[in-house]
Amino acid sequence: MPRTDAAVVEPRTIAQARRGVAAQLHESGIESPDLDARILVGHALGLDHAALAAAGARRLDSADESAIAALVRRRLAREPVARIVGQKEFWSLPLRIDAATLVPRPESETVVEAALAALDARGARTRPLRVADLGTGSGALALALSSELPNASAVGTDLSVRALAMARDNARRLGFGKLSFAVCNMAEALRGPFELIVSNPPYVASGDIAALEPEVRDFDPRLALDGGRDGLDGYRAIAASTPALLAPGGVLVVELGIGLAEPVTALLTAAGLATLPPRTDLNDVPRALTAVKGHEREALDPGKKALGISAGTD
């Protein structure tokens, strides 16, 4: 019998690789497999979205395939895409992240929206302001607010020295020179007065962490997740410290864990702050709670119209 050569297998194109990766991720139950595949293949090849689409017919070599496979293995192990690529966009800012920081999440932008709404009700964004971000992590909230408040002087605090190093790097890289940072628990090292204090504190009850999605449970720093037995330890620290740090009429905005609106409202009210109805995120979940320093009517009246608060009765 005459000898026949084995069929030659053509190298995959970039477009074929994207489809193959998406299929792998889909079969493993990964949410948004198409988006994840695009990001991972692009990151492995050093191509942005436009370049990846334009180069769809390009054939991959063995080094390309190895680079893609390494990233896919990490995603199949449920490592978040943002951690794999080392970056996450927040408030249109590209923030670098690492193992010491939470991945900034879209719902946290609700805190920024609520803070800006409260400030807008009380004056121009261009006025000088002192802003504090308690538990800043990658610096997401402080940087987002600094991008909207040109004359603000902001400080971010965190217990993690590594997290603050990442926040400082983000501030330097993005050109926000007025940010400073302090290693402490919430507001322990701060001196007021501040016109605005924001925080996304740890709010997962200790006993609930094991049931979180693996992308969170296995990769987010526990220090940034664990809110104690009932998830309220961080809020208690905030309620104890922030009233003395706020200027008269100053605003506090905290991110809310699911189901925590009522107990957090009670804590802040007991601390002497006047609270507004929680602001909901895009999923209609109460996500940001605003509190104001001052007597209730004095605190709420200036912002009723801007904040959508209806007048109450005595």
Foldseek 3Di string as FASTA:
>chain_A
DDDDDDDDDFAAFLLVQLVVQLVVCVVLVHPPSNVLSQLLLCLLVVHDNVRSVVRRRHGDDPSSVVSSVVLSVCVSVVADSCASSQWDAALNAIAGAYLAADRDDPQCVLLVVVQVLLVVLPDDLADEFEEEEFQCQLVRSVVNSCVRRVRYQYEYEHQDPVSVVNNVVSCVVVVPPRYYYDHDHGCPPDAAAGQEYEYAAAQAAPVCLVVDDCNCSVRHDVRRHHCYHHRCNSLLVCLVPRLNHYDALGKYKYFDDAPCPVVSCVSNVVSQWAKDQADAGPVRTRTMIMTTHDPHCVNCVSSCVSVVNDDDDD
